[in-house]
Amino acid sequence: MKIRPGLGIAICGALAAACMFPTSSDAQVLMQRDVSLAMALTIATTASAECGAIASIAVVDRAGRIKVLLQGDAGSSHNLELARRKAYTARTFRMPSAAWAKRTETTNAGQRMLADVIPLGGGMPIMAGDETIGGIGLSGAPGGQEKEEACTRAGIEKVRDQLK
């Protein structure tokens, strides 16, 4: 059997295209873990208790959306925004915001120009195994960014048994 010139190429192309598109048997429902409201509240209130009435705390979910935003009674208004951005940075880059800030001093400095990120310590990712499911950020703690990180760790530690 003789194949006309170009027809073989067309047949191969059609077969390749058919293999590239998923079939209905490939379709599936995605199951993703996320930070629940109850978990976010527990993390935030624990961090707040550790750092006192001046701190502001934000917890974001796996998509970086605000789940909980708390302002201490003696907190400053700008600390709310800093806490949110620290939480978002930690969640987005899947590392403590202080580590990301240090890394972007010398490499990938352009990342600092992205919206909603901030090169400051005080943000921690919330991990369920190897999966980043959210982030917590804290701003305004007496004792600076090291104390802020300690408070965020305490909040995450409170729910550690649920993050396995």
N, C-alpha and C. Protein backbone atom coordinates (compact mmCIF):
# COMPACT_ATOMS: atom_id res chain seq x y z
N MET A 1 0.85 -1.17 0.00
CA MET A 1 0.00 0.00 0.00
C MET A 1 0.90 1.23 0.00
N LYS A 2 0.57 2.15 -0.86
CA LYS A 2 1.31 3.39 -0.98
C LYS A 2 0.57 4.51 -0.27
N ILE A 3 1.32 5.29 0.51
CA ILE A 3 0.72 6.44 1.19
C ILE A 3 1.17 7.69 0.47
N ARG A 4 0.20 8.54 0.18
CA ARG A 4 0.53 9.80 -0.49
C ARG A 4 1.46 10.63 0.38
N PRO A 5 2.37 11.37 -0.26
CA PRO A 5 3.27 12.24 0.50
C PRO A 5 2.45 13.22 1.36
N GLY A 6 2.84 13.37 2.59
CA GLY A 6 2.17 14.30 3.50
C GLY A 6 1.06 13.63 4.29
N LEU A 7 0.45 12.56 3.74
CA LEU A 7 -0.64 11.89 4.45
C LEU A 7 -0.10 11.17 5.69
N GLY A 8 1.07 10.57 5.57
CA GLY A 8 1.68 9.88 6.70
C GLY A 8 1.97 10.85 7.83
N ILE A 9 2.44 12.02 7.46
CA ILE A 9 2.73 13.05 8.47
C ILE A 9 1.44 13.50 9.14
N ALA A 10 0.38 13.66 8.37
CA ALA A 10 -0.91 14.08 8.91
C ALA A 10 -1.46 13.03 9.87
N ILE A 11 -1.33 11.76 9.50
CA ILE A 11 -1.83 10.68 10.36
C ILE A 11 -1.04 10.65 11.66
N CYS A 12 0.28 10.75 11.58
CA CYS A 12 1.12 10.76 12.78
C CYS A 12 0.78 11.96 13.67
N GLY A 13 0.56 13.10 13.05
CA GLY A 13 0.19 14.29 13.82
C GLY A 13 -1.13 14.12 14.52
N ALA A 14 -2.11 13.53 13.85
CA ALA A 14 -3.43 13.31 14.45
C ALA A 14 -3.33 12.33 15.61
N LEU A 15 -2.55 11.28 15.46
CA LEU A 15 -2.37 10.31 16.54
C LEU A 15 -1.68 10.95 17.74
N ALA A 16 -0.66 11.75 17.48
CA ALA A 16 0.04 12.43 18.57
C ALA A 16 -0.89 13.38 19.31
N ALA A 17 -1.72 14.11 18.58
CA ALA A 17 -2.66 15.04 19.22
C ALA A 17 -3.67 14.29 20.06
N ALA A 18 -4.15 13.16 19.56
CA ALA A 18 -5.14 12.38 20.30
C ALA A 18 -4.55 11.87 21.61
N CYS A 19 -3.27 11.56 21.62
CA CYS A 19 -2.61 11.06 22.83
C CYS A 19 -2.34 12.17 23.83
N MET A 20 -2.29 13.41 23.38
CA MET A 20 -1.95 14.52 24.26
C MET A 20 -3.13 14.96 25.12
N PHE A 21 -4.33 14.83 24.64
CA PHE A 21 -5.49 15.32 25.37
C PHE A 21 -6.00 14.25 26.32
N PRO A 22 -6.32 14.64 27.55
CA PRO A 22 -6.80 13.65 28.51
C PRO A 22 -8.18 13.13 28.12
N THR A 23 -8.41 11.91 28.43
CA THR A 23 -9.73 11.32 28.20
C THR A 23 -10.52 11.42 29.48
N SER A 24 -11.80 11.09 29.42
CA SER A 24 -12.62 11.17 30.62
C SER A 24 -12.13 10.19 31.69
N SER A 25 -11.47 9.11 31.28
CA SER A 25 -10.94 8.18 32.28
C SER A 25 -9.73 8.78 33.01
N ASP A 26 -9.09 9.82 32.44
CA ASP A 26 -7.98 10.50 33.10
C ASP A 26 -8.46 11.57 34.07
N ALA A 27 -9.70 12.00 33.92
CA ALA A 27 -10.23 13.08 34.76
C ALA A 27 -10.37 12.59 36.19
N GLN A 28 -10.10 13.47 37.12
CA GLN A 28 -10.22 13.09 38.53
C GLN A 28 -10.53 14.32 39.38
N VAL A 29 -11.08 14.07 40.53
CA VAL A 29 -11.34 15.12 41.50
C VAL A 29 -10.06 15.32 42.30
N LEU A 30 -9.60 16.55 42.42
CA LEU A 30 -8.41 16.84 43.21
C LEU A 30 -8.78 16.90 44.68
N MET A 31 -8.00 16.25 45.48
CA MET A 31 -8.21 16.28 46.92
C MET A 31 -7.02 17.01 47.53
N GLN A 32 -7.28 18.18 48.11
CA GLN A 32 -6.21 18.99 48.66
C GLN A 32 -6.48 19.29 50.12
N ARG A 33 -5.44 19.19 50.91
CA ARG A 33 -5.56 19.56 52.31
C ARG A 33 -5.43 21.08 52.41
N ASP A 34 -6.10 21.65 53.40
CA ASP A 34 -6.08 23.10 53.58
C ASP A 34 -6.23 23.41 55.06
N VAL A 35 -5.98 24.65 55.41
CA VAL A 35 -6.16 25.12 56.78
C VAL A 35 -7.65 25.40 57.00
N SER A 36 -8.23 24.76 58.00
CA SER A 36 -9.63 25.03 58.33
C SER A 36 -9.71 26.29 59.18
N LEU A 37 -10.90 26.83 59.31
CA LEU A 37 -11.09 28.01 60.16
C LEU A 37 -10.73 27.68 61.60
N ALA A 38 -11.16 26.52 62.09
CA ALA A 38 -10.86 26.13 63.47
C ALA A 38 -9.35 26.03 63.69
N MET A 39 -8.65 25.43 62.74
CA MET A 39 -7.19 25.31 62.86
C MET A 39 -6.54 26.70 62.83
N ALA A 40 -6.98 27.55 61.90
CA ALA A 40 -6.42 28.89 61.79
C ALA A 40 -6.63 29.69 63.08
N LEU A 41 -7.80 29.57 63.67
CA LEU A 41 -8.08 30.26 64.93
C LEU A 41 -7.19 29.75 66.06
N THR A 42 -7.01 28.44 66.13
CA THR A 42 -6.14 27.86 67.16
C THR A 42 -4.71 28.35 67.00
N ILE A 43 -4.21 28.32 65.77
CA ILE A 43 -2.84 28.78 65.51
C ILE A 43 -2.70 30.25 65.89
N ALA A 44 -3.65 31.07 65.44
CA ALA A 44 -3.57 32.52 65.68
C ALA A 44 -3.69 32.87 67.16
N THR A 45 -4.63 32.26 67.85
CA THR A 45 -4.82 32.60 69.26
C THR A 45 -3.65 32.11 70.12
N THR A 46 -3.06 30.97 69.74
CA THR A 46 -1.88 30.49 70.46
C THR A 46 -0.71 31.44 70.25
N ALA A 47 -0.49 31.86 69.01
CA ALA A 47 0.59 32.80 68.72
C ALA A 47 0.36 34.12 69.44
N SER A 48 -0.87 34.57 69.49
CA SER A 48 -1.21 35.82 70.18
C SER A 48 -0.92 35.71 71.67
N ALA A 49 -1.29 34.59 72.26
CA ALA A 49 -1.04 34.39 73.69
C ALA A 49 0.46 34.39 73.99
N GLU A 50 1.26 33.88 73.08
CA GLU A 50 2.71 33.84 73.25
C GLU A 50 3.34 35.23 73.14
N CYS A 51 2.80 36.08 72.26
CA CYS A 51 3.45 37.36 71.97
C CYS A 51 2.80 38.56 72.63
N GLY A 52 1.64 38.43 73.19
CA GLY A 52 1.06 39.55 73.92
C GLY A 52 0.14 40.44 73.11
N ALA A 53 -0.35 41.47 73.77
CA ALA A 53 -1.42 42.32 73.24
C ALA A 53 -0.99 43.31 72.18
N ILE A 54 0.29 43.36 71.87
CA ILE A 54 0.72 44.34 70.87
C ILE A 54 0.82 43.73 69.48
N ALA A 55 0.86 42.42 69.39
CA ALA A 55 1.10 41.73 68.11
C ALA A 55 -0.16 41.63 67.26
N SER A 56 0.06 41.61 65.95
CA SER A 56 -0.98 41.33 64.97
C SER A 56 -0.62 40.02 64.27
N ILE A 57 -1.63 39.20 64.01
CA ILE A 57 -1.41 37.87 63.46
C ILE A 57 -2.31 37.65 62.26
N ALA A 58 -1.75 37.04 61.21
CA ALA A 58 -2.53 36.65 60.04
C ALA A 58 -2.25 35.18 59.75
N VAL A 59 -3.30 34.45 59.41
CA VAL A 59 -3.16 33.08 58.94
C VAL A 59 -3.81 33.04 57.56
N VAL A 60 -3.07 32.50 56.59
CA VAL A 60 -3.59 32.36 55.22
C VAL A 60 -3.71 30.89 54.88
N ASP A 61 -4.60 30.59 53.93
CA ASP A 61 -4.81 29.21 53.51
C ASP A 61 -3.84 28.83 52.40
N ARG A 62 -4.04 27.66 51.79
CA ARG A 62 -3.11 27.16 50.77
C ARG A 62 -3.04 28.06 49.54
N ALA A 63 -4.09 28.85 49.29
CA ALA A 63 -4.10 29.76 48.15
C ALA A 63 -3.59 31.15 48.53
N GLY A 64 -3.21 31.35 49.78
CA GLY A 64 -2.71 32.65 50.23
C GLY A 64 -3.81 33.61 50.63
N ARG A 65 -5.04 33.12 50.74
CA ARG A 65 -6.17 33.97 51.15
C ARG A 65 -6.24 34.05 52.67
N ILE A 66 -6.64 35.20 53.18
CA ILE A 66 -6.74 35.39 54.63
C ILE A 66 -7.80 34.46 55.19
N LYS A 67 -7.40 33.72 56.21
CA LYS A 67 -8.32 32.85 56.95
C LYS A 67 -8.67 33.52 58.28
N VAL A 68 -7.65 34.06 58.95
CA VAL A 68 -7.84 34.74 60.23
C VAL A 68 -6.90 35.94 60.27
N LEU A 69 -7.39 37.04 60.78
CA LEU A 69 -6.59 38.25 60.95
C LEU A 69 -6.94 38.82 62.33
N LEU A 70 -5.95 38.83 63.22
CA LEU A 70 -6.16 39.31 64.59
C LEU A 70 -5.26 40.50 64.87
N GLN A 71 -5.80 41.45 65.57
CA GLN A 71 -5.00 42.59 66.02
C GLN A 71 -5.04 42.63 67.53
N GLY A 72 -3.86 42.66 68.14
CA GLY A 72 -3.80 42.79 69.59
C GLY A 72 -4.39 44.11 70.04
N ASP A 73 -4.85 44.15 71.26
CA ASP A 73 -5.49 45.36 71.79
C ASP A 73 -4.59 46.58 71.72
N ALA A 74 -3.30 46.39 71.85
CA ALA A 74 -2.36 47.52 71.81
C ALA A 74 -1.59 47.55 70.49
N GLY A 75 -2.07 46.85 69.48
CA GLY A 75 -1.36 46.75 68.21
C GLY A 75 -1.48 47.99 67.35
N SER A 76 -0.52 48.14 66.46
CA SER A 76 -0.50 49.24 65.52
C SER A 76 -1.19 48.81 64.22
N SER A 77 -1.85 49.73 63.57
CA SER A 77 -2.63 49.38 62.37
C SER A 77 -1.76 48.86 61.22
N HIS A 78 -0.55 49.35 61.07
CA HIS A 78 0.28 48.87 59.97
C HIS A 78 0.76 47.44 60.20
N ASN A 79 0.73 46.97 61.45
CA ASN A 79 1.17 45.60 61.73
C ASN A 79 0.23 44.56 61.14
N LEU A 80 -1.03 44.89 60.96
CA LEU A 80 -1.95 43.96 60.32
C LEU A 80 -1.49 43.63 58.90
N GLU A 81 -1.14 44.65 58.16
CA GLU A 81 -0.69 44.45 56.78
C GLU A 81 0.64 43.71 56.74
N LEU A 82 1.55 44.04 57.64
CA LEU A 82 2.83 43.35 57.69
C LEU A 82 2.64 41.87 58.02
N ALA A 83 1.77 41.57 58.97
CA ALA A 83 1.50 40.17 59.34
C ALA A 83 0.93 39.41 58.16
N ARG A 84 0.00 40.00 57.44
CA ARG A 84 -0.61 39.34 56.28
C ARG A 84 0.44 39.05 55.21
N ARG A 85 1.29 40.02 54.93
CA ARG A 85 2.31 39.83 53.90
C ARG A 85 3.38 38.82 54.31
N LYS A 86 3.70 38.77 55.59
CA LYS A 86 4.65 37.77 56.08
C LYS A 86 4.06 36.37 55.92
N ALA A 87 2.79 36.21 56.27
CA ALA A 87 2.12 34.91 56.12
C ALA A 87 2.08 34.50 54.65
N TYR A 88 1.73 35.43 53.79
CA TYR A 88 1.66 35.17 52.34
C TYR A 88 3.04 34.80 51.78
N THR A 89 4.07 35.51 52.21
CA THR A 89 5.43 35.22 51.74
C THR A 89 5.85 33.82 52.16
N ALA A 90 5.61 33.47 53.42
CA ALA A 90 5.99 32.15 53.92
C ALA A 90 5.23 31.05 53.19
N ARG A 91 3.95 31.27 52.94
CA ARG A 91 3.16 30.28 52.23
C ARG A 91 3.61 30.16 50.78
N THR A 92 3.77 31.28 50.11
CA THR A 92 4.11 31.29 48.69
C THR A 92 5.46 30.63 48.40
N PHE A 93 6.46 30.94 49.22
CA PHE A 93 7.80 30.41 48.98
C PHE A 93 8.10 29.17 49.81
N ARG A 94 7.13 28.72 50.60
CA ARG A 94 7.24 27.47 51.36
C ARG A 94 8.47 27.44 52.28
N MET A 95 8.74 28.57 52.89
CA MET A 95 9.85 28.68 53.83
C MET A 95 9.59 29.86 54.76
N PRO A 96 10.28 29.90 55.90
CA PRO A 96 10.13 31.07 56.77
C PRO A 96 10.45 32.35 56.00
N SER A 97 9.70 33.39 56.28
CA SER A 97 9.91 34.64 55.54
C SER A 97 11.31 35.22 55.78
N ALA A 98 11.90 34.96 56.95
CA ALA A 98 13.27 35.43 57.22
C ALA A 98 14.26 34.72 56.31
N ALA A 99 14.07 33.42 56.09
CA ALA A 99 14.97 32.66 55.20
C ALA A 99 14.82 33.16 53.77
N TRP A 100 13.58 33.44 53.35
CA TRP A 100 13.35 33.97 52.00
C TRP A 100 14.00 35.35 51.86
N ALA A 101 13.87 36.19 52.89
CA ALA A 101 14.49 37.52 52.86
C ALA A 101 16.00 37.42 52.70
N LYS A 102 16.62 36.51 53.44
CA LYS A 102 18.07 36.33 53.35
C LYS A 102 18.47 35.82 51.97
N ARG A 103 17.72 34.85 51.44
CA ARG A 103 18.03 34.29 50.13
C ARG A 103 17.93 35.33 49.03
N THR A 104 16.94 36.21 49.11
CA THR A 104 16.74 37.19 48.04
C THR A 104 17.63 38.43 48.17
N GLU A 105 18.48 38.47 49.18
CA GLU A 105 19.47 39.55 49.26
C GLU A 105 20.47 39.44 48.12
N THR A 106 20.82 38.21 47.75
CA THR A 106 21.87 37.99 46.76
C THR A 106 21.38 37.33 45.48
N THR A 107 20.39 36.48 45.55
CA THR A 107 19.88 35.82 44.36
C THR A 107 18.37 36.00 44.29
N ASN A 108 17.85 35.99 43.10
CA ASN A 108 16.40 36.15 42.89
C ASN A 108 15.84 37.41 43.53
N ALA A 109 16.62 38.47 43.56
CA ALA A 109 16.19 39.71 44.21
C ALA A 109 14.93 40.28 43.56
N GLY A 110 14.69 39.97 42.31
CA GLY A 110 13.48 40.44 41.64
C GLY A 110 12.20 39.94 42.28
N GLN A 111 12.29 38.81 43.00
CA GLN A 111 11.10 38.30 43.69
C GLN A 111 10.58 39.30 44.72
N ARG A 112 11.45 40.14 45.22
CA ARG A 112 11.03 41.14 46.21
C ARG A 112 10.06 42.16 45.63
N MET A 113 10.00 42.23 44.30
CA MET A 113 9.10 43.17 43.63
C MET A 113 7.70 42.61 43.45
N LEU A 114 7.50 41.32 43.73
CA LEU A 114 6.19 40.71 43.57
C LEU A 114 5.19 41.32 44.55
N ALA A 115 3.96 41.37 44.15
CA ALA A 115 2.90 41.92 45.02
C ALA A 115 2.73 41.06 46.26
N ASP A 116 2.51 41.70 47.37
CA ASP A 116 2.14 41.08 48.64
C ASP A 116 3.24 40.34 49.39
N VAL A 117 4.45 40.27 48.86
CA VAL A 117 5.54 39.64 49.61
C VAL A 117 6.32 40.71 50.36
N ILE A 118 7.03 40.28 51.39
CA ILE A 118 7.81 41.23 52.17
C ILE A 118 9.05 40.53 52.74
N PRO A 119 10.21 41.14 52.58
CA PRO A 119 11.44 40.51 53.05
C PRO A 119 11.72 40.80 54.53
N LEU A 120 10.86 40.27 55.39
CA LEU A 120 11.01 40.43 56.84
C LEU A 120 10.74 39.09 57.52
N GLY A 121 11.37 38.87 58.65
CA GLY A 121 11.09 37.68 59.44
C GLY A 121 9.75 37.81 60.15
N GLY A 122 9.25 36.68 60.62
CA GLY A 122 7.98 36.66 61.35
C GLY A 122 6.90 35.87 60.64
N GLY A 123 7.22 35.26 59.50
CA GLY A 123 6.26 34.44 58.78
C GLY A 123 6.75 33.00 58.70
N MET A 124 5.85 32.05 58.89
CA MET A 124 6.19 30.62 58.81
C MET A 124 5.16 29.91 57.95
N PRO A 125 5.63 28.96 57.11
CA PRO A 125 4.68 28.15 56.36
C PRO A 125 4.01 27.14 57.30
N ILE A 126 2.80 26.78 56.98
CA ILE A 126 2.10 25.72 57.70
C ILE A 126 2.16 24.49 56.81
N MET A 127 2.85 23.45 57.30
CA MET A 127 3.12 22.26 56.50
C MET A 127 2.32 21.08 57.04
N ALA A 128 1.75 20.31 56.12
CA ALA A 128 1.15 19.02 56.45
C ALA A 128 2.00 18.00 55.72
N GLY A 129 2.94 17.40 56.43
CA GLY A 129 3.94 16.56 55.78
C GLY A 129 4.83 17.43 54.92
N ASP A 130 4.94 17.09 53.63
CA ASP A 130 5.74 17.88 52.69
C ASP A 130 4.92 18.93 51.95
N GLU A 131 3.65 19.02 52.27
CA GLU A 131 2.72 19.90 51.55
C GLU A 131 2.50 21.20 52.32
N THR A 132 2.64 22.33 51.64
CA THR A 132 2.38 23.63 52.27
C THR A 132 0.89 23.92 52.14
N ILE A 133 0.22 24.03 53.29
CA ILE A 133 -1.23 24.23 53.27
C ILE A 133 -1.64 25.61 53.75
N GLY A 134 -0.67 26.44 54.11
CA GLY A 134 -0.99 27.79 54.57
C GLY A 134 0.24 28.48 55.10
N GLY A 135 0.01 29.59 55.77
CA GLY A 135 1.10 30.34 56.37
C GLY A 135 0.59 31.20 57.51
N ILE A 136 1.48 31.52 58.43
CA ILE A 136 1.15 32.43 59.53
C ILE A 136 2.19 33.53 59.55
N GLY A 137 1.73 34.75 59.78
CA GLY A 137 2.62 35.89 59.92
C GLY A 137 2.28 36.66 61.17
N LEU A 138 3.28 37.20 61.81
CA LEU A 138 3.09 37.95 63.04
C LEU A 138 3.95 39.20 62.97
N SER A 139 3.40 40.30 63.42
CA SER A 139 4.14 41.56 63.41
C SER A 139 3.84 42.35 64.67
N GLY A 140 4.86 43.01 65.19
CA GLY A 140 4.69 43.89 66.33
C GLY A 140 5.01 43.28 67.68
N ALA A 141 5.62 42.12 67.69
CA ALA A 141 5.95 41.49 68.98
C ALA A 141 7.11 42.20 69.65
N PRO A 142 7.03 42.41 70.96
CA PRO A 142 8.19 42.93 71.66
C PRO A 142 9.31 41.89 71.56
N GLY A 143 10.49 42.30 71.18
CA GLY A 143 11.58 41.35 71.00
C GLY A 143 11.92 41.12 69.54
N GLY A 144 11.16 41.73 68.64
CA GLY A 144 11.49 41.70 67.23
C GLY A 144 11.15 40.41 66.50
N GLN A 145 11.77 40.25 65.34
CA GLN A 145 11.41 39.17 64.42
C GLN A 145 11.73 37.79 64.97
N GLU A 146 12.76 37.65 65.79
CA GLU A 146 13.06 36.34 66.38
C GLU A 146 11.93 35.91 67.31
N LYS A 147 11.42 36.83 68.10
CA LYS A 147 10.30 36.54 68.99
C LYS A 147 9.04 36.25 68.16
N GLU A 148 8.84 37.00 67.09
CA GLU A 148 7.69 36.76 66.21
C GLU A 148 7.72 35.35 65.65
N GLU A 149 8.89 34.90 65.20
CA GLU A 149 9.02 33.54 64.68
C GLU A 149 8.75 32.51 65.77
N ALA A 150 9.22 32.76 66.97
CA ALA A 150 8.97 31.83 68.07
C ALA A 150 7.47 31.72 68.35
N CYS A 151 6.78 32.82 68.28
CA CYS A 151 5.33 32.82 68.53
C CYS A 151 4.59 32.09 67.41
N THR A 152 5.01 32.29 66.16
CA THR A 152 4.35 31.58 65.06
C THR A 152 4.61 30.08 65.16
N ARG A 153 5.81 29.71 65.55
CA ARG A 153 6.11 28.27 65.73
C ARG A 153 5.23 27.67 66.83
N ALA A 154 5.03 28.42 67.89
CA ALA A 154 4.18 27.94 68.99
C ALA A 154 2.75 27.71 68.49
N GLY A 155 2.27 28.61 67.65
CA GLY A 155 0.92 28.43 67.09
C GLY A 155 0.81 27.18 66.25
N ILE A 156 1.81 26.95 65.40
CA ILE A 156 1.81 25.75 64.55
C ILE A 156 1.96 24.50 65.40
N GLU A 157 2.81 24.57 66.41
CA GLU A 157 3.04 23.41 67.28
C GLU A 157 1.75 22.97 67.97
N LYS A 158 0.90 23.91 68.27
CA LYS A 158 -0.37 23.61 68.96
C LYS A 158 -1.24 22.66 68.13
N VAL A 159 -1.12 22.69 66.82
CA VAL A 159 -1.95 21.83 65.95
C VAL A 159 -1.12 20.75 65.25
N ARG A 160 0.11 20.55 65.70
CA ARG A 160 1.04 19.62 65.06
C ARG A 160 0.41 18.25 64.81
N ASP A 161 -0.35 17.73 65.76
CA ASP A 161 -0.95 16.40 65.60
C ASP A 161 -1.95 16.33 64.44
N GLN A 162 -2.50 17.46 64.02
CA GLN A 162 -3.44 17.50 62.91
C GLN A 162 -2.73 17.67 61.56
N LEU A 163 -1.44 17.91 61.57
CA LEU A 163 -0.69 18.20 60.35
C LEU A 163 0.09 17.00 59.83
N LYS A 164 -0.27 15.82 60.25
CA LYS A 164 0.44 14.61 59.80
C LYS A 164 -0.16 14.04 58.55
